[in-house]
Amino acid sequence: MSVLIATPFSYQFDDLVKVKITSTNFFGTPTYSASNSAGARIRRIPDKMNTPFLVSRTTATMTIRWAALTAPATGNSPITAYNLYWDNGSGDISIELADTLITEYSLTGLTGGVFYKF
């Protein structure tokens, strides 16, 4: 399989690519198939998320929110899930939330005076 955005193709993001195909055997090569009328658009992975921000906190809970990605930052494909990772200063990264589309989350059972990174 070719990487279409690489040389020699040089397709750009959101270009429409229509494909024709043929085969060859000992007896020769027939004409190309009809072009796929719908084609496919060149896509990419989503952009990096912005840092979540603090909505509210107590000594044991914290509510954070993050901005949902919108096109073209989504790679012009729908976002199917967000994952929330955090570190309580120990260097050990934990996953708190996985495969969800929410953009606000409340963490409970936190320790007061500890610096948390998300």
Protein backbone atom coordinates (compact mmCIF):
# COMPACT_ATOMS: atom_id res chain seq x y z
CA MET A 1 0.00 0.00 0.00
CA SER A 2 1.29 3.45 -0.86
CA VAL A 3 1.32 6.44 1.43
CA LEU A 4 -0.57 8.85 -0.78
CA ILE A 5 0.68 12.06 0.81
CA ALA A 6 4.29 11.10 0.15
CA THR A 7 6.28 11.51 -3.06
CA PRO A 8 5.46 10.97 -5.91
CA PHE A 9 1.78 11.50 -5.13
CA SER A 10 1.95 14.75 -3.13
CA TYR A 11 -1.73 14.76 -2.25
CA GLN A 12 -2.70 17.33 0.34
CA PHE A 13 -5.08 17.08 3.27
CA ASP A 14 -8.74 16.91 2.13
CA ASP A 15 -7.89 16.17 -1.52
CA LEU A 16 -10.41 13.83 -3.15
CA VAL A 17 -8.76 10.69 -4.54
CA LYS A 18 -10.58 8.55 -7.07
CA VAL A 19 -9.15 5.15 -7.88
CA LYS A 20 -9.08 2.98 -10.99
CA ILE A 21 -7.57 -0.48 -11.04
CA THR A 22 -6.38 -3.07 -13.52
CA SER A 23 -4.60 -6.39 -13.38
CA THR A 24 -2.00 -8.11 -15.50
CA ASN A 25 -1.43 -11.78 -16.21
CA PHE A 26 0.38 -13.85 -18.83
CA PHE A 27 -2.19 -12.92 -21.49
CA GLY A 28 -2.02 -9.17 -21.00
CA THR A 29 -3.60 -6.21 -19.25
CA PRO A 30 -7.26 -5.21 -19.68
CA THR A 31 -8.48 -1.62 -19.56
CA TYR A 32 -8.84 0.11 -16.22
CA SER A 33 -11.99 -0.24 -14.15
CA ALA A 34 -14.41 2.64 -13.85
CA SER A 35 -13.34 5.23 -11.31
CA ASN A 36 -14.83 5.00 -7.85
CA SER A 37 -17.30 7.87 -8.11
CA ALA A 38 -17.34 8.63 -4.38
CA GLY A 39 -13.58 8.53 -3.96
CA ALA A 40 -11.87 8.99 -0.62
CA ARG A 41 -10.54 12.08 1.11
CA ILE A 42 -7.02 12.32 2.46
CA ARG A 43 -7.27 12.50 6.27
CA ARG A 44 -4.85 12.70 9.17
CA ILE A 45 -4.69 12.10 12.91
CA PRO A 46 -6.35 14.75 15.09
CA ASP A 47 -4.41 17.72 16.43
CA LYS A 48 -2.99 17.71 19.94
CA MET A 49 -5.60 18.60 22.56
CA ASN A 50 -5.38 21.82 24.54
CA THR A 51 -4.58 21.47 28.23
CA PRO A 52 -7.68 20.78 30.37
CA PHE A 53 -8.65 23.61 32.71
CA LEU A 54 -9.92 23.65 36.26
CA VAL A 55 -13.66 24.31 36.72
CA SER A 56 -13.90 23.81 40.49
CA ARG A 57 -12.10 22.11 43.37
CA THR A 58 -12.27 21.16 47.03
CA THR A 59 -9.64 19.35 49.09
CA ALA A 60 -10.89 15.96 47.80
CA THR A 61 -12.53 16.67 44.42
CA MET A 62 -11.65 18.46 41.23
CA THR A 63 -13.73 19.14 38.14
CA ILE A 64 -11.86 19.73 34.91
CA ARG A 65 -13.04 20.55 31.42
CA TRP A 66 -11.45 20.47 27.99
CA ALA A 67 -12.45 21.91 24.65
CA ALA A 68 -13.78 19.44 22.09
CA LEU A 69 -11.86 19.41 18.83
CA THR A 70 -13.63 20.78 15.78
CA ALA A 71 -12.75 20.43 12.09
CA PRO A 72 -10.18 20.72 10.67
CA ALA A 73 -8.37 19.94 13.98
CA THR A 74 -10.27 16.63 14.08
CA GLY A 75 -8.48 15.55 10.90
CA ASN A 76 -11.90 16.10 9.28
CA SER A 77 -13.06 12.81 10.72
CA PRO A 78 -15.41 12.50 13.68
CA ILE A 79 -13.79 12.20 17.10
CA THR A 80 -14.82 8.85 18.55
CA ALA A 81 -13.36 9.15 22.06
CA TYR A 82 -11.33 11.20 24.52
CA ASN A 83 -9.01 9.66 27.12
CA LEU A 84 -8.01 11.47 30.31
CA TYR A 85 -4.60 10.75 31.83
CA TRP A 86 -3.25 12.24 35.04
CA ASP A 87 -0.17 12.29 37.22
CA ASN A 88 -0.24 13.10 40.93
CA GLY A 89 3.38 14.23 40.93
CA SER A 90 4.80 10.73 41.36
CA GLY A 91 5.67 10.40 37.67
CA ASP A 92 3.24 7.49 37.35
CA ILE A 93 0.63 8.29 34.73
CA SER A 94 -2.80 6.83 35.33
CA ILE A 95 -5.77 6.67 33.03
CA GLU A 96 -8.88 8.01 34.68
CA LEU A 97 -11.32 8.09 31.84
CA ALA A 98 -11.25 6.15 28.58
CA ASP A 99 -13.18 6.04 25.34
CA THR A 100 -15.81 8.65 26.05
CA LEU A 101 -17.06 11.78 24.34
CA ILE A 102 -17.66 13.90 27.44
CA THR A 103 -15.64 17.10 27.88
CA GLU A 104 -15.99 17.61 31.65
CA TYR A 105 -15.13 15.23 34.46
CA SER A 106 -15.08 15.29 38.27
CA LEU A 107 -12.36 13.35 40.06
CA THR A 108 -12.96 12.30 43.65
CA GLY A 109 -10.79 10.88 46.42
CA LEU A 110 -7.97 13.34 45.79
CA THR A 111 -5.45 14.36 48.43
CA GLY A 112 -5.28 18.02 49.42
CA GLY A 113 -1.96 19.76 48.78
CA VAL A 114 -0.93 17.36 45.98
CA PHE A 115 -0.17 18.81 42.53
CA TYR A 116 -2.09 16.95 39.80
CA LYS A 117 -1.32 17.18 36.07
CA PHE A 118 -3.79 16.19 33.34
